[in-house]
Amino acid sequence: MHIVDGALSNPVLIGGGILAATGVAYSLKKLEPEDLPRVGVLSAVFFVVSLIHVPLGFSSVHLILNGLLGIILGWAAFPALAVALLLQAIFFGFGGITVLGVNAVNIAFPAVMVFYLCRWGLSAERYKLAKLVADGLFAAFFIVSVWAGYALYEAYQVEGATWRVSVNSISLALFALVMIGGYVLYRRGTLSVAGFWGFLGGSLSIFFTAIMVAISLALSGDEFAKAAEFVIVAHFPVMAVEGILTAATIQLITKVKPELVHAVR
């Protein structure tokens, strides 16, 4: 998810910088002093988990937990993620300074999207409606994801790229198994409605981020087209893992400190 310096075109870099600055400025305007401890802690969480990279093909994948940050922080995820990305670029060389704006937007904007999408389900007083909407959202997300994975599988198969076909098949299979398993746990009652909304938020945030990274690469030139496709394929397992971690965290929070997410269940 960390695009490196020199990979993007100037218009994409400038546009990302403007959007990131706007998002951070708006977030700081809404930020209250009592929110600072949560912002700091979750910024540190992102900083640590995203340092652990798993090599995959010519790229690597890692956790970011932007869904969790979005659910808890809302717009405050922008400065939290921007600061962490800046420190990673300075101290570890992850990403870069010139692409800081694009990386911040690609990770923080999906967090805000998840905030608006999932916060309602976590705090909905109409329990049955929240459950029904969660069912529909899961079905739509699962179908679109599997369709996208299969489309890329067919594209790679036609080109004869065996290793790409294998990677995509394994990624898609792992994603499907975990997503179906999470839904079964939710329907059996092991995973609460709030926990399942967290599961959806964690998965969707990675899905949205992968798409935005792919768009950023694709807008920078045709030579990045395959890399853009690979970003989505490679992050199917990450979507599943982030869904699990976010679900477990939200389910715990709603039991011990529900005011963090304003959950009623």
Protein backbone atom coordinates (compact mmCIF):
# COMPACT_ATOMS: atom_id res chain seq x y z
CA MET A 1 0.00 0.00 0.00
CA HIS A 2 3.04 2.28 0.28
CA ILE A 3 3.69 3.64 -3.21
CA VAL A 4 7.35 4.62 -3.50
CA ASP A 5 8.88 7.87 -4.74
CA GLY A 6 9.30 8.09 -8.49
CA ALA A 7 6.46 5.74 -9.40
CA LEU A 8 3.68 8.28 -9.95
CA SER A 9 3.21 11.08 -12.45
CA ASN A 10 3.35 14.72 -11.34
CA PRO A 11 -0.40 15.38 -11.79
CA VAL A 12 -1.24 12.40 -9.54
CA LEU A 13 1.29 13.57 -6.93
CA ILE A 14 -0.04 17.13 -6.96
CA GLY A 15 -3.67 16.00 -6.81
CA GLY A 16 -2.93 13.62 -3.95
CA GLY A 17 -1.07 16.32 -2.04
CA ILE A 18 -3.96 18.76 -2.36
CA LEU A 19 -6.54 16.18 -1.29
CA ALA A 20 -4.41 15.04 1.66
CA ALA A 21 -3.84 18.62 2.86
CA THR A 22 -7.57 19.31 2.59
CA GLY A 23 -8.45 16.15 4.49
CA VAL A 24 -5.95 16.85 7.28
CA ALA A 25 -7.06 20.49 7.60
CA TYR A 26 -10.73 19.52 7.82
CA SER A 27 -9.92 16.77 10.33
CA LEU A 28 -7.92 19.09 12.58
CA LYS A 29 -10.78 21.58 12.53
CA LYS A 30 -13.16 18.89 13.83
CA LEU A 31 -10.67 17.37 16.29
CA GLU A 32 -11.39 17.87 20.00
CA PRO A 33 -8.64 17.89 22.68
CA GLU A 34 -10.11 14.80 24.35
CA ASP A 35 -9.69 12.90 21.06
CA LEU A 36 -5.91 13.28 20.99
CA PRO A 37 -5.05 10.20 23.13
CA ARG A 38 -7.10 7.91 20.87
CA VAL A 39 -5.60 9.48 17.75
CA GLY A 40 -2.08 9.01 19.10
CA VAL A 41 -2.61 5.40 20.16
CA LEU A 42 -4.22 4.34 16.89
CA SER A 43 -1.61 6.21 14.85
CA ALA A 44 1.02 4.17 16.70
CA VAL A 45 -0.93 0.96 16.01
CA PHE A 46 -0.90 1.69 12.28
CA PHE A 47 2.79 2.65 12.43
CA VAL A 48 3.75 -0.69 13.99
CA VAL A 49 1.54 -3.16 12.09
CA SER A 50 2.30 -1.67 8.67
CA LEU A 51 6.04 -2.08 9.21
CA ILE A 52 5.70 -5.86 8.90
CA HIS A 53 5.85 -6.61 5.17
CA VAL A 54 5.25 -10.03 3.61
CA PRO A 55 6.97 -10.42 0.19
CA LEU A 56 4.62 -11.49 -2.61
CA GLY A 57 5.82 -11.63 -6.20
CA PHE A 58 7.48 -8.33 -7.16
CA SER A 59 5.68 -6.51 -4.35
CA SER A 60 4.75 -7.07 -0.70
CA VAL A 61 1.65 -6.88 1.48
CA HIS A 62 1.10 -5.76 5.04
CA LEU A 63 -1.65 -4.95 7.53
CA ILE A 64 -2.78 -1.35 7.96
CA LEU A 65 -5.98 -1.56 10.08
CA ASN A 66 -7.37 1.61 8.52
CA GLY A 67 -10.87 0.18 8.90
CA LEU A 68 -10.43 0.09 12.67
CA LEU A 69 -9.03 3.64 12.67
CA GLY A 70 -11.94 4.83 10.55
CA ILE A 71 -14.60 3.27 12.77
CA ILE A 72 -13.13 4.73 15.97
CA LEU A 73 -11.64 8.02 14.75
CA GLY A 74 -13.72 9.04 11.75
CA TRP A 75 -12.14 12.06 10.04
CA ALA A 76 -9.38 12.11 12.64
CA ALA A 77 -7.94 9.10 10.81
CA PHE A 78 -6.48 11.57 8.29
CA PRO A 79 -3.94 13.27 10.59
CA ALA A 80 -3.31 9.99 12.47
CA LEU A 81 -2.35 8.17 9.28
CA ALA A 82 -0.53 11.14 7.71
CA VAL A 83 1.79 11.51 10.72
CA ALA A 84 2.51 7.78 10.85
CA LEU A 85 3.24 7.66 7.11
CA LEU A 86 5.57 10.65 7.41
CA LEU A 87 7.53 9.00 10.23
CA GLN A 88 7.76 5.72 8.29
CA ALA A 89 9.10 7.55 5.25
CA ILE A 90 11.70 9.44 7.31
CA PHE A 91 12.95 6.65 9.56
CA PHE A 92 12.44 3.50 7.47
CA GLY A 93 12.16 4.67 3.88
CA PHE A 94 8.68 3.18 3.41
CA GLY A 95 6.80 5.08 0.75
CA GLY A 96 8.41 8.48 0.37
CA ILE A 97 8.05 12.19 0.92
CA THR A 98 6.80 13.16 -2.54
CA VAL A 99 4.13 10.42 -2.48
CA LEU A 100 3.09 11.15 1.10
CA GLY A 101 -0.09 12.92 0.01
CA VAL A 102 -1.19 10.12 -2.33
CA ASN A 103 -0.42 7.41 0.24
CA ALA A 104 -2.30 9.32 2.92
CA VAL A 105 -5.38 9.75 0.72
CA ASN A 106 -5.30 6.11 -0.44
CA ILE A 107 -5.30 4.84 3.14
CA ALA A 108 -7.21 7.55 5.05
CA PHE A 109 -10.08 8.18 2.63
CA PRO A 110 -11.24 4.51 2.75
CA ALA A 111 -11.08 4.80 6.55
CA VAL A 112 -13.49 7.75 6.41
CA MET A 113 -15.72 5.84 3.97
CA VAL A 114 -15.87 2.92 6.42
CA PHE A 115 -16.67 5.36 9.24
CA TYR A 116 -19.81 6.56 7.45
CA LEU A 117 -20.71 3.11 6.16
CA CYS A 118 -20.22 1.04 9.31
CA ARG A 119 -20.70 3.51 12.15
CA TRP A 120 -24.43 3.48 11.45
CA GLY A 121 -24.58 -0.29 11.80
CA LEU A 122 -22.60 -0.18 15.03
CA SER A 123 -24.82 2.44 16.63
CA ALA A 124 -28.16 1.67 14.99
CA GLU A 125 -31.05 1.50 17.43
CA ARG A 126 -33.03 -0.57 14.93
CA TYR A 127 -31.20 -3.83 15.54
CA LYS A 128 -33.05 -5.92 12.93
CA LEU A 129 -32.50 -3.29 10.23
CA ALA A 130 -28.78 -3.12 11.03
CA LYS A 131 -28.62 -6.90 10.72
CA LEU A 132 -30.50 -6.89 7.42
CA VAL A 133 -28.29 -4.17 5.94
CA ALA A 134 -25.18 -6.07 7.07
CA ASP A 135 -26.44 -9.17 5.22
CA GLY A 136 -27.00 -7.19 2.02
CA LEU A 137 -23.67 -5.39 2.26
CA PHE A 138 -21.81 -8.65 2.80
CA ALA A 139 -23.50 -10.28 -0.20
CA ALA A 140 -22.71 -7.33 -2.50
CA PHE A 141 -19.10 -7.07 -1.33
CA PHE A 142 -18.49 -10.81 -1.60
CA ILE A 143 -19.98 -11.08 -5.10
CA VAL A 144 -18.07 -8.05 -6.44
CA SER A 145 -14.79 -9.26 -4.93
CA VAL A 146 -15.10 -12.79 -6.29
CA TRP A 147 -16.10 -11.44 -9.70
CA ALA A 148 -13.07 -9.12 -9.75
CA GLY A 149 -10.76 -11.94 -8.70
CA TYR A 150 -12.14 -14.32 -11.32
CA ALA A 151 -11.89 -11.65 -14.04
CA LEU A 152 -8.21 -11.12 -13.25
CA TYR A 153 -7.70 -14.90 -13.14
CA GLU A 154 -9.10 -15.21 -16.66
CA ALA A 155 -6.96 -12.32 -17.89
CA TYR A 156 -3.76 -13.83 -16.50
CA GLN A 157 -4.66 -17.30 -17.77
CA VAL A 158 -5.06 -16.02 -21.32
CA GLU A 159 -1.60 -14.45 -21.12
CA GLY A 160 -0.14 -17.71 -19.83
CA ALA A 161 1.30 -16.16 -16.67
CA THR A 162 1.29 -19.33 -14.57
CA TRP A 163 2.58 -17.84 -11.33
CA ARG A 164 0.01 -15.05 -11.52
CA VAL A 165 -2.77 -17.59 -12.01
CA SER A 166 -1.53 -19.53 -8.98
CA VAL A 167 -1.22 -16.45 -6.78
CA ASN A 168 -4.66 -15.21 -7.77
CA SER A 169 -6.26 -18.63 -7.22
CA ILE A 170 -4.76 -19.00 -3.74
CA SER A 171 -5.60 -15.40 -2.79
CA LEU A 172 -9.19 -15.73 -3.97
CA ALA A 173 -9.65 -19.11 -2.25
CA LEU A 174 -8.32 -17.84 1.09
CA PHE A 175 -10.44 -14.72 0.88
CA ALA A 176 -13.60 -16.69 0.07
CA LEU A 177 -13.05 -19.21 2.87
CA VAL A 178 -12.44 -16.58 5.54
CA MET A 179 -15.35 -14.40 4.41
CA ILE A 180 -17.76 -17.34 4.38
CA GLY A 181 -16.41 -18.49 7.76
CA GLY A 182 -16.96 -15.02 9.24
CA TYR A 183 -20.50 -14.92 7.93
CA VAL A 184 -21.25 -18.37 9.40
CA LEU A 185 -19.96 -17.26 12.81
CA TYR A 186 -22.12 -14.16 12.60
CA ARG A 187 -25.25 -16.11 11.68
CA ARG A 188 -24.61 -18.58 14.51
CA GLY A 189 -24.31 -15.76 17.01
CA THR A 190 -20.62 -16.27 17.85
CA LEU A 191 -19.90 -12.97 16.17
CA SER A 192 -22.18 -10.15 17.28
CA VAL A 193 -23.84 -7.75 14.85
CA ALA A 194 -21.36 -5.05 15.94
CA GLY A 195 -18.50 -7.51 15.43
CA PHE A 196 -19.76 -8.36 11.96
CA TRP A 197 -19.97 -4.69 11.03
CA GLY A 198 -16.36 -4.47 12.18
CA PHE A 199 -15.58 -7.48 9.98
CA LEU A 200 -17.12 -5.73 6.99
CA GLY A 201 -15.36 -2.45 7.82
CA GLY A 202 -11.94 -4.08 8.09
CA SER A 203 -12.36 -5.94 4.81
CA LEU A 204 -13.93 -3.08 2.88
CA SER A 205 -11.25 -0.60 3.94
CA ILE A 206 -8.54 -2.77 2.35
CA PHE A 207 -10.70 -3.33 -0.73
CA PHE A 208 -11.21 0.42 -1.19
CA THR A 209 -7.53 1.14 -0.49
CA ALA A 210 -6.36 -1.47 -3.02
CA ILE A 211 -8.64 0.04 -5.65
CA MET A 212 -7.36 3.56 -4.94
CA VAL A 213 -3.74 2.41 -5.11
CA ALA A 214 -4.50 0.66 -8.40
CA ILE A 215 -6.12 3.81 -9.77
CA SER A 216 -3.14 5.93 -8.69
CA LEU A 217 -0.78 3.59 -10.52
CA ALA A 218 -2.99 3.29 -13.60
CA LEU A 219 -3.28 7.08 -13.92
CA SER A 220 0.50 7.36 -13.94
CA GLY A 221 1.02 5.37 -17.13
CA ASP A 222 0.14 2.21 -19.03
CA GLU A 223 3.35 0.55 -17.82
CA PHE A 224 1.79 0.32 -14.35
CA ALA A 225 -1.39 -1.42 -15.55
CA LYS A 226 -0.31 -4.92 -14.52
CA ALA A 227 1.05 -3.69 -11.22
CA ALA A 228 -2.31 -2.02 -10.57
CA GLU A 229 -4.13 -5.30 -11.21
CA PHE A 230 -1.71 -7.21 -8.98
CA VAL A 231 -2.36 -4.84 -6.06
CA ILE A 232 -5.99 -5.97 -5.92
CA VAL A 233 -5.16 -9.66 -6.34
CA ALA A 234 -2.44 -9.67 -3.70
CA HIS A 235 -4.65 -8.06 -1.06
CA PHE A 236 -7.51 -10.55 -1.05
CA PRO A 237 -5.94 -12.43 1.93
CA VAL A 238 -5.21 -9.09 3.64
CA MET A 239 -8.88 -8.13 3.32
CA ALA A 240 -9.82 -11.33 5.12
CA VAL A 241 -7.21 -10.98 7.88
CA GLU A 242 -8.05 -7.32 8.49
CA GLY A 243 -11.72 -8.27 8.69
CA ILE A 244 -10.97 -10.83 11.39
CA LEU A 245 -8.77 -8.50 13.45
CA THR A 246 -11.19 -5.58 13.20
CA ALA A 247 -14.15 -7.81 14.07
CA ALA A 248 -12.40 -9.15 17.18
CA THR A 249 -11.37 -5.66 18.27
CA ILE A 250 -14.79 -4.09 17.75
CA GLN A 251 -16.54 -7.00 19.48
CA LEU A 252 -14.24 -6.56 22.50
CA ILE A 253 -14.63 -2.77 22.54
CA THR A 254 -18.43 -2.98 22.46
CA LYS A 255 -18.25 -5.13 25.61
CA VAL A 256 -15.70 -3.21 27.67
CA LYS A 257 -15.88 0.39 26.35
CA PRO A 258 -18.85 0.78 23.98
CA GLU A 259 -18.73 4.58 24.05
CA LEU A 260 -15.78 4.38 21.66
CA VAL A 261 -18.06 3.27 18.84
CA HIS A 262 -21.44 4.25 20.32
CA ALA A 263 -22.61 0.65 19.88
CA VAL A 264 -25.83 -0.56 21.49
CA ARG A 265 -25.28 -4.28 20.86
